[in-house]
N, C-alpha and C. Protein backbone atom coordinates (compact mmCIF):
# COMPACT_ATOMS: atom_id res chain seq x y z
N MET A 1 81.36 99.66 82.04
CA MET A 1 82.33 98.80 82.69
C MET A 1 83.73 99.17 82.21
N ALA A 2 84.65 99.21 83.12
CA ALA A 2 86.04 99.46 82.79
C ALA A 2 86.87 98.27 83.25
N SER A 3 87.85 97.92 82.44
CA SER A 3 88.78 96.84 82.78
C SER A 3 90.20 97.38 82.71
N ILE A 4 90.99 97.03 83.69
CA ILE A 4 92.39 97.42 83.71
C ILE A 4 93.19 96.16 83.97
N ASN A 5 94.11 95.85 83.07
CA ASN A 5 94.98 94.68 83.20
C ASN A 5 96.42 95.14 83.03
N ARG A 6 97.24 94.84 84.01
CA ARG A 6 98.64 95.21 83.97
C ARG A 6 99.47 94.03 84.47
N SER A 7 100.70 93.94 83.96
CA SER A 7 101.61 92.91 84.46
C SER A 7 103.03 93.45 84.40
N ALA A 8 103.91 92.80 85.16
CA ALA A 8 105.32 93.18 85.18
C ALA A 8 106.15 91.99 85.60
N LEU A 9 107.34 91.92 85.05
CA LEU A 9 108.34 90.95 85.49
C LEU A 9 109.27 91.69 86.43
N VAL A 10 109.44 91.19 87.63
CA VAL A 10 110.23 91.90 88.63
C VAL A 10 111.31 91.00 89.22
N MET A 11 112.37 91.63 89.67
CA MET A 11 113.48 90.91 90.28
C MET A 11 113.31 90.85 91.80
N HIS A 12 112.13 90.40 92.19
CA HIS A 12 111.78 90.19 93.60
C HIS A 12 110.94 88.93 93.65
N SER A 13 110.98 88.25 94.77
CA SER A 13 110.25 86.98 94.87
C SER A 13 108.74 87.21 94.90
N ALA A 14 108.01 86.15 94.59
CA ALA A 14 106.54 86.21 94.66
C ALA A 14 106.11 86.53 96.09
N ALA A 15 106.80 85.97 97.08
CA ALA A 15 106.46 86.24 98.48
C ALA A 15 106.66 87.71 98.83
N GLN A 16 107.75 88.30 98.35
CA GLN A 16 107.99 89.72 98.62
C GLN A 16 106.91 90.60 97.98
N MET A 17 106.56 90.31 96.75
CA MET A 17 105.56 91.13 96.06
C MET A 17 104.18 90.94 96.69
N TYR A 18 103.86 89.71 97.06
CA TYR A 18 102.59 89.44 97.75
C TYR A 18 102.52 90.26 99.04
N ASP A 19 103.60 90.22 99.83
CA ASP A 19 103.62 90.96 101.09
C ASP A 19 103.42 92.46 100.87
N LEU A 20 104.03 92.98 99.84
CA LEU A 20 103.92 94.41 99.53
C LEU A 20 102.48 94.78 99.17
N VAL A 21 101.86 94.01 98.30
CA VAL A 21 100.49 94.30 97.87
C VAL A 21 99.51 94.07 99.03
N ASN A 22 99.77 93.09 99.85
CA ASN A 22 98.86 92.77 100.95
C ASN A 22 99.00 93.73 102.13
N ASP A 23 100.03 94.54 102.16
CA ASP A 23 100.26 95.48 103.25
C ASP A 23 99.50 96.79 102.99
N VAL A 24 98.18 96.70 103.00
CA VAL A 24 97.32 97.82 102.59
C VAL A 24 97.50 99.06 103.46
N GLU A 25 97.85 98.89 104.71
CA GLU A 25 97.99 100.04 105.60
C GLU A 25 99.12 100.99 105.17
N ARG A 26 100.03 100.51 104.35
CA ARG A 26 101.14 101.36 103.88
C ARG A 26 100.85 102.02 102.52
N TYR A 27 99.72 101.72 101.91
CA TYR A 27 99.40 102.31 100.61
C TYR A 27 99.53 103.83 100.57
N PRO A 28 99.07 104.56 101.60
CA PRO A 28 99.18 106.02 101.52
C PRO A 28 100.62 106.53 101.42
N GLU A 29 101.59 105.71 101.80
CA GLU A 29 103.00 106.11 101.74
C GLU A 29 103.52 106.22 100.31
N PHE A 30 102.89 105.49 99.37
CA PHE A 30 103.47 105.46 98.03
C PHE A 30 102.47 105.40 96.88
N LEU A 31 101.20 105.18 97.15
CA LEU A 31 100.21 105.13 96.07
C LEU A 31 99.56 106.49 95.89
N ASP A 32 99.81 107.11 94.77
CA ASP A 32 99.25 108.42 94.46
C ASP A 32 97.72 108.34 94.51
N GLY A 33 97.10 109.24 95.26
CA GLY A 33 95.65 109.28 95.35
C GLY A 33 95.07 108.50 96.51
N CYS A 34 95.87 107.66 97.16
CA CYS A 34 95.38 106.91 98.32
C CYS A 34 95.73 107.72 99.57
N ALA A 35 94.70 108.31 100.19
CA ALA A 35 94.91 109.20 101.32
C ALA A 35 94.97 108.49 102.66
N GLU A 36 94.20 107.41 102.79
CA GLU A 36 94.10 106.73 104.08
C GLU A 36 93.56 105.31 103.87
N VAL A 37 93.91 104.41 104.78
CA VAL A 37 93.39 103.04 104.76
C VAL A 37 92.99 102.65 106.17
N ASP A 38 91.80 102.07 106.30
CA ASP A 38 91.34 101.52 107.57
C ASP A 38 91.26 100.00 107.42
N LEU A 39 92.04 99.29 108.22
CA LEU A 39 91.98 97.83 108.23
C LEU A 39 90.83 97.42 109.14
N ILE A 40 89.82 96.79 108.57
CA ILE A 40 88.61 96.44 109.30
C ILE A 40 88.71 95.03 109.89
N GLU A 41 89.26 94.12 109.09
CA GLU A 41 89.35 92.72 109.50
C GLU A 41 90.55 92.10 108.81
N SER A 42 91.28 91.24 109.52
CA SER A 42 92.45 90.62 108.90
C SER A 42 92.69 89.24 109.49
N SER A 43 92.90 88.27 108.60
CA SER A 43 93.27 86.92 108.99
C SER A 43 94.18 86.38 107.88
N PRO A 44 94.80 85.22 108.07
CA PRO A 44 95.67 84.69 107.01
C PRO A 44 94.95 84.43 105.68
N LYS A 45 93.64 84.22 105.71
CA LYS A 45 92.89 83.87 104.48
C LYS A 45 92.05 85.01 103.92
N GLN A 46 91.86 86.07 104.72
CA GLN A 46 90.92 87.11 104.29
C GLN A 46 91.26 88.46 104.94
N MET A 47 90.96 89.53 104.21
CA MET A 47 91.14 90.87 104.74
C MET A 47 90.00 91.75 104.26
N VAL A 48 89.55 92.65 105.12
CA VAL A 48 88.57 93.66 104.75
C VAL A 48 89.18 95.01 105.08
N ALA A 49 89.20 95.92 104.11
CA ALA A 49 89.81 97.23 104.32
C ALA A 49 89.01 98.31 103.60
N ARG A 50 89.05 99.51 104.19
CA ARG A 50 88.44 100.69 103.58
C ARG A 50 89.55 101.58 103.04
N LEU A 51 89.49 101.90 101.76
CA LEU A 51 90.45 102.80 101.14
C LEU A 51 89.79 104.15 100.91
N HIS A 52 90.52 105.20 101.26
CA HIS A 52 90.07 106.57 101.06
C HIS A 52 90.90 107.16 99.92
N LEU A 53 90.26 107.49 98.81
CA LEU A 53 90.94 108.08 97.67
C LEU A 53 90.67 109.58 97.65
N SER A 54 91.69 110.34 97.30
CA SER A 54 91.55 111.79 97.23
C SER A 54 92.50 112.34 96.18
N LYS A 55 91.93 113.09 95.24
CA LYS A 55 92.76 113.70 94.20
C LYS A 55 91.95 114.79 93.53
N ALA A 56 92.60 115.89 93.26
CA ALA A 56 91.98 117.01 92.54
C ALA A 56 90.67 117.46 93.19
N GLY A 57 90.62 117.44 94.52
CA GLY A 57 89.44 117.89 95.23
C GLY A 57 88.33 116.85 95.35
N LEU A 58 88.49 115.70 94.73
CA LEU A 58 87.49 114.63 94.83
C LEU A 58 87.91 113.65 95.92
N ARG A 59 86.92 113.20 96.71
CA ARG A 59 87.20 112.24 97.77
C ARG A 59 86.16 111.12 97.72
N TYR A 60 86.64 109.89 97.74
CA TYR A 60 85.76 108.72 97.76
C TYR A 60 86.35 107.68 98.69
N GLN A 61 85.50 106.82 99.21
CA GLN A 61 85.99 105.69 99.99
C GLN A 61 85.19 104.45 99.61
N PHE A 62 85.85 103.32 99.72
CA PHE A 62 85.18 102.05 99.43
C PHE A 62 85.82 100.95 100.27
N VAL A 63 85.05 99.89 100.46
CA VAL A 63 85.50 98.75 101.26
C VAL A 63 85.57 97.53 100.35
N THR A 64 86.69 96.81 100.41
CA THR A 64 86.81 95.55 99.67
C THR A 64 87.07 94.41 100.65
N ARG A 65 86.63 93.24 100.24
CA ARG A 65 86.93 91.99 100.94
C ARG A 65 87.91 91.24 100.05
N ASN A 66 89.08 90.95 100.60
CA ASN A 66 90.14 90.28 99.84
C ASN A 66 90.30 88.85 100.33
N GLN A 67 90.25 87.91 99.39
CA GLN A 67 90.53 86.50 99.68
C GLN A 67 92.01 86.28 99.39
N LEU A 68 92.73 85.71 100.35
CA LEU A 68 94.18 85.63 100.29
C LEU A 68 94.68 84.20 100.13
N THR A 69 95.53 83.99 99.14
CA THR A 69 96.26 82.74 98.97
C THR A 69 97.73 83.10 99.08
N ARG A 70 98.33 82.81 100.21
CA ARG A 70 99.67 83.27 100.57
C ARG A 70 100.67 83.12 99.41
N ASP A 71 101.35 84.22 99.10
CA ASP A 71 102.42 84.31 98.10
C ASP A 71 101.98 84.04 96.67
N ALA A 72 100.68 83.87 96.42
CA ALA A 72 100.23 83.50 95.08
C ALA A 72 99.12 84.38 94.52
N LEU A 73 98.10 84.69 95.32
CA LEU A 73 96.90 85.31 94.76
C LEU A 73 96.16 86.14 95.81
N ILE A 74 95.69 87.30 95.39
CA ILE A 74 94.78 88.13 96.18
C ILE A 74 93.59 88.44 95.29
N GLU A 75 92.40 88.02 95.72
CA GLU A 75 91.18 88.29 94.96
C GLU A 75 90.35 89.28 95.76
N LEU A 76 89.90 90.35 95.11
CA LEU A 76 89.15 91.37 95.83
C LEU A 76 87.77 91.58 95.24
N GLU A 77 86.86 91.96 96.12
CA GLU A 77 85.49 92.23 95.70
C GLU A 77 84.93 93.35 96.56
N LEU A 78 84.14 94.20 95.94
CA LEU A 78 83.54 95.34 96.63
C LEU A 78 82.56 94.88 97.71
N GLU A 79 82.70 95.46 98.88
CA GLU A 79 81.75 95.25 99.98
C GLU A 79 80.82 96.45 100.10
N GLN A 80 81.41 97.65 99.94
CA GLN A 80 80.65 98.87 100.14
C GLN A 80 81.36 100.01 99.42
N GLY A 81 80.59 100.90 98.82
CA GLY A 81 81.20 102.06 98.19
C GLY A 81 80.40 102.56 97.00
N PRO A 82 80.93 103.57 96.32
CA PRO A 82 80.19 104.24 95.26
C PRO A 82 80.18 103.51 93.92
N PHE A 83 80.93 102.43 93.80
CA PHE A 83 80.94 101.66 92.56
C PHE A 83 79.67 100.83 92.44
N ASP A 84 79.22 100.60 91.21
CA ASP A 84 78.14 99.63 90.99
C ASP A 84 78.70 98.23 91.27
N TYR A 85 79.94 98.03 90.88
CA TYR A 85 80.66 96.80 91.22
C TYR A 85 82.15 97.05 91.06
N LEU A 86 82.93 96.27 91.75
CA LEU A 86 84.38 96.31 91.67
C LEU A 86 84.88 94.94 92.05
N ARG A 87 85.68 94.36 91.19
CA ARG A 87 86.30 93.06 91.50
C ARG A 87 87.64 93.00 90.78
N GLY A 88 88.51 92.18 91.32
CA GLY A 88 89.81 92.09 90.69
C GLY A 88 90.71 91.08 91.37
N SER A 89 91.94 91.03 90.89
CA SER A 89 92.90 90.08 91.45
C SER A 89 94.32 90.56 91.23
N TRP A 90 95.18 90.08 92.09
CA TRP A 90 96.63 90.19 91.95
C TRP A 90 97.15 88.76 91.94
N ALA A 91 97.94 88.41 90.94
CA ALA A 91 98.55 87.08 90.87
C ALA A 91 100.07 87.23 90.87
N PHE A 92 100.74 86.35 91.58
CA PHE A 92 102.19 86.38 91.73
C PHE A 92 102.74 85.02 91.31
N THR A 93 103.41 84.97 90.16
CA THR A 93 103.91 83.72 89.61
C THR A 93 105.43 83.68 89.74
N PRO A 94 105.97 82.75 90.54
CA PRO A 94 107.43 82.67 90.67
C PRO A 94 108.08 82.31 89.33
N LEU A 95 109.17 82.99 89.03
CA LEU A 95 109.97 82.66 87.85
C LEU A 95 111.30 82.04 88.28
N ARG A 96 111.81 82.53 89.38
CA ARG A 96 113.00 82.01 90.06
C ARG A 96 112.83 82.33 91.53
N ASP A 97 113.81 82.00 92.34
CA ASP A 97 113.71 82.34 93.77
C ASP A 97 113.63 83.85 93.99
N ASP A 98 114.28 84.61 93.09
CA ASP A 98 114.36 86.06 93.28
C ASP A 98 113.65 86.84 92.17
N ALA A 99 112.70 86.22 91.49
CA ALA A 99 111.99 86.92 90.41
C ALA A 99 110.58 86.34 90.25
N CYS A 100 109.67 87.20 89.81
CA CYS A 100 108.30 86.73 89.59
C CYS A 100 107.59 87.60 88.57
N LYS A 101 106.44 87.12 88.15
CA LYS A 101 105.54 87.89 87.30
C LYS A 101 104.39 88.36 88.19
N VAL A 102 104.10 89.65 88.14
CA VAL A 102 103.00 90.24 88.89
C VAL A 102 101.92 90.62 87.88
N GLU A 103 100.69 90.16 88.13
CA GLU A 103 99.57 90.49 87.25
C GLU A 103 98.43 91.07 88.07
N MET A 104 97.91 92.20 87.61
CA MET A 104 96.75 92.81 88.25
C MET A 104 95.63 92.92 87.23
N ALA A 105 94.44 92.52 87.62
CA ALA A 105 93.25 92.65 86.77
C ALA A 105 92.14 93.27 87.61
N LEU A 106 91.56 94.35 87.12
CA LEU A 106 90.46 95.01 87.81
C LEU A 106 89.32 95.27 86.84
N GLU A 107 88.12 95.10 87.32
CA GLU A 107 86.91 95.47 86.57
C GLU A 107 86.05 96.28 87.52
N PHE A 108 85.52 97.39 87.01
CA PHE A 108 84.62 98.17 87.84
C PHE A 108 83.60 98.88 86.97
N GLY A 109 82.48 99.19 87.59
CA GLY A 109 81.42 99.90 86.90
C GLY A 109 80.86 100.99 87.77
N VAL A 110 80.59 102.12 87.16
CA VAL A 110 79.96 103.25 87.84
C VAL A 110 78.98 103.89 86.88
N THR A 111 77.95 104.53 87.41
CA THR A 111 76.96 105.18 86.56
C THR A 111 76.73 106.61 87.04
N GLY A 112 76.14 107.39 86.17
CA GLY A 112 75.76 108.75 86.52
C GLY A 112 76.92 109.72 86.50
N LEU A 113 76.61 110.97 86.80
CA LEU A 113 77.60 112.04 86.80
C LEU A 113 78.65 111.81 87.88
N LYS A 114 78.20 111.40 89.05
CA LYS A 114 79.13 111.10 90.14
C LYS A 114 80.04 109.93 89.74
N GLY A 115 79.48 108.99 89.01
CA GLY A 115 80.26 107.85 88.54
C GLY A 115 81.36 108.25 87.58
N LYS A 116 81.07 109.20 86.71
CA LYS A 116 82.10 109.68 85.78
C LYS A 116 83.26 110.32 86.53
N ALA A 117 82.93 111.10 87.57
CA ALA A 117 83.97 111.72 88.38
C ALA A 117 84.80 110.65 89.10
N LEU A 118 84.12 109.65 89.66
CA LEU A 118 84.82 108.56 90.34
C LEU A 118 85.71 107.80 89.37
N SER A 119 85.20 107.51 88.20
CA SER A 119 85.99 106.79 87.20
C SER A 119 87.22 107.60 86.81
N GLY A 120 87.06 108.91 86.69
CA GLY A 120 88.19 109.77 86.36
C GLY A 120 89.25 109.79 87.44
N LEU A 121 88.84 109.60 88.68
CA LEU A 121 89.78 109.53 89.79
C LEU A 121 90.42 108.15 89.90
N PHE A 122 89.59 107.11 89.82
CA PHE A 122 90.05 105.75 90.08
C PHE A 122 90.87 105.15 88.94
N SER A 123 90.47 105.39 87.70
CA SER A 123 91.15 104.77 86.55
C SER A 123 92.64 105.03 86.52
N PRO A 124 93.10 106.29 86.63
CA PRO A 124 94.55 106.51 86.58
C PRO A 124 95.29 105.92 87.79
N ILE A 125 94.65 105.96 88.95
CA ILE A 125 95.27 105.36 90.14
C ILE A 125 95.46 103.86 89.91
N ALA A 126 94.40 103.20 89.47
CA ALA A 126 94.46 101.75 89.24
C ALA A 126 95.45 101.40 88.13
N ALA A 127 95.46 102.20 87.07
CA ALA A 127 96.33 101.91 85.93
C ALA A 127 97.80 101.99 86.30
N ASN A 128 98.13 102.79 87.31
CA ASN A 128 99.53 102.97 87.71
C ASN A 128 99.94 102.12 88.91
N MET A 129 99.04 101.28 89.40
CA MET A 129 99.33 100.53 90.61
C MET A 129 100.49 99.55 90.47
N VAL A 130 100.53 98.80 89.40
CA VAL A 130 101.61 97.81 89.24
C VAL A 130 102.96 98.52 89.22
N ASP A 131 103.04 99.62 88.48
CA ASP A 131 104.28 100.39 88.43
C ASP A 131 104.66 100.91 89.81
N ALA A 132 103.68 101.41 90.55
CA ALA A 132 103.95 101.93 91.89
C ALA A 132 104.46 100.83 92.82
N PHE A 133 103.88 99.64 92.73
CA PHE A 133 104.34 98.54 93.58
C PHE A 133 105.73 98.07 93.16
N CYS A 134 106.03 98.06 91.88
CA CYS A 134 107.37 97.67 91.42
C CYS A 134 108.42 98.65 91.93
N LYS A 135 108.12 99.94 91.84
CA LYS A 135 109.06 100.96 92.35
C LYS A 135 109.23 100.83 93.86
N ARG A 136 108.14 100.59 94.56
CA ARG A 136 108.21 100.42 96.01
C ARG A 136 109.05 99.20 96.37
N ALA A 137 108.89 98.11 95.63
CA ALA A 137 109.68 96.89 95.88
C ALA A 137 111.17 97.17 95.69
N ASP A 138 111.51 97.94 94.67
CA ASP A 138 112.92 98.26 94.43
C ASP A 138 113.52 99.05 95.59
N ILE A 139 112.71 99.87 96.24
CA ILE A 139 113.18 100.64 97.39
C ILE A 139 113.27 99.75 98.63
N ILE A 140 112.23 98.99 98.91
CA ILE A 140 112.15 98.18 100.12
C ILE A 140 113.13 97.01 100.10
N TYR A 141 113.25 96.35 98.93
CA TYR A 141 114.03 95.11 98.84
C TYR A 141 115.36 95.28 98.11
N LYS A 142 115.92 96.47 98.12
CA LYS A 142 117.18 96.69 97.38
C LYS A 142 118.34 95.92 97.95
């Protein structure tokens, strides 16, 4: 099992950061290793999406179901893919009208030789996600 926990204080509102993280179709524009996203289902309370990861000749895809609490929380859980399990959350805590704390927590498990390769691909991508979203917010909301 691997756990990744990251947080950041940003000079953007919780609503802005929530919108950025929830806009999965734009991930390939700025998330290193994310090659493509297929939006399968979307409503105000829930989203299902397939992410295609590609790096160093390795390619994997997985589907998550995200439970959405507008401007506050995104909880994700694996629906389909090469992980034994994957679950996590993004939390957005307002500090002021124009600032918030962003917290990401992910847990995933993989087994076998293929699992080691997947972990080697996914771990650095996941570990850098908060930083990537903060940089993206600075560009989008300048």
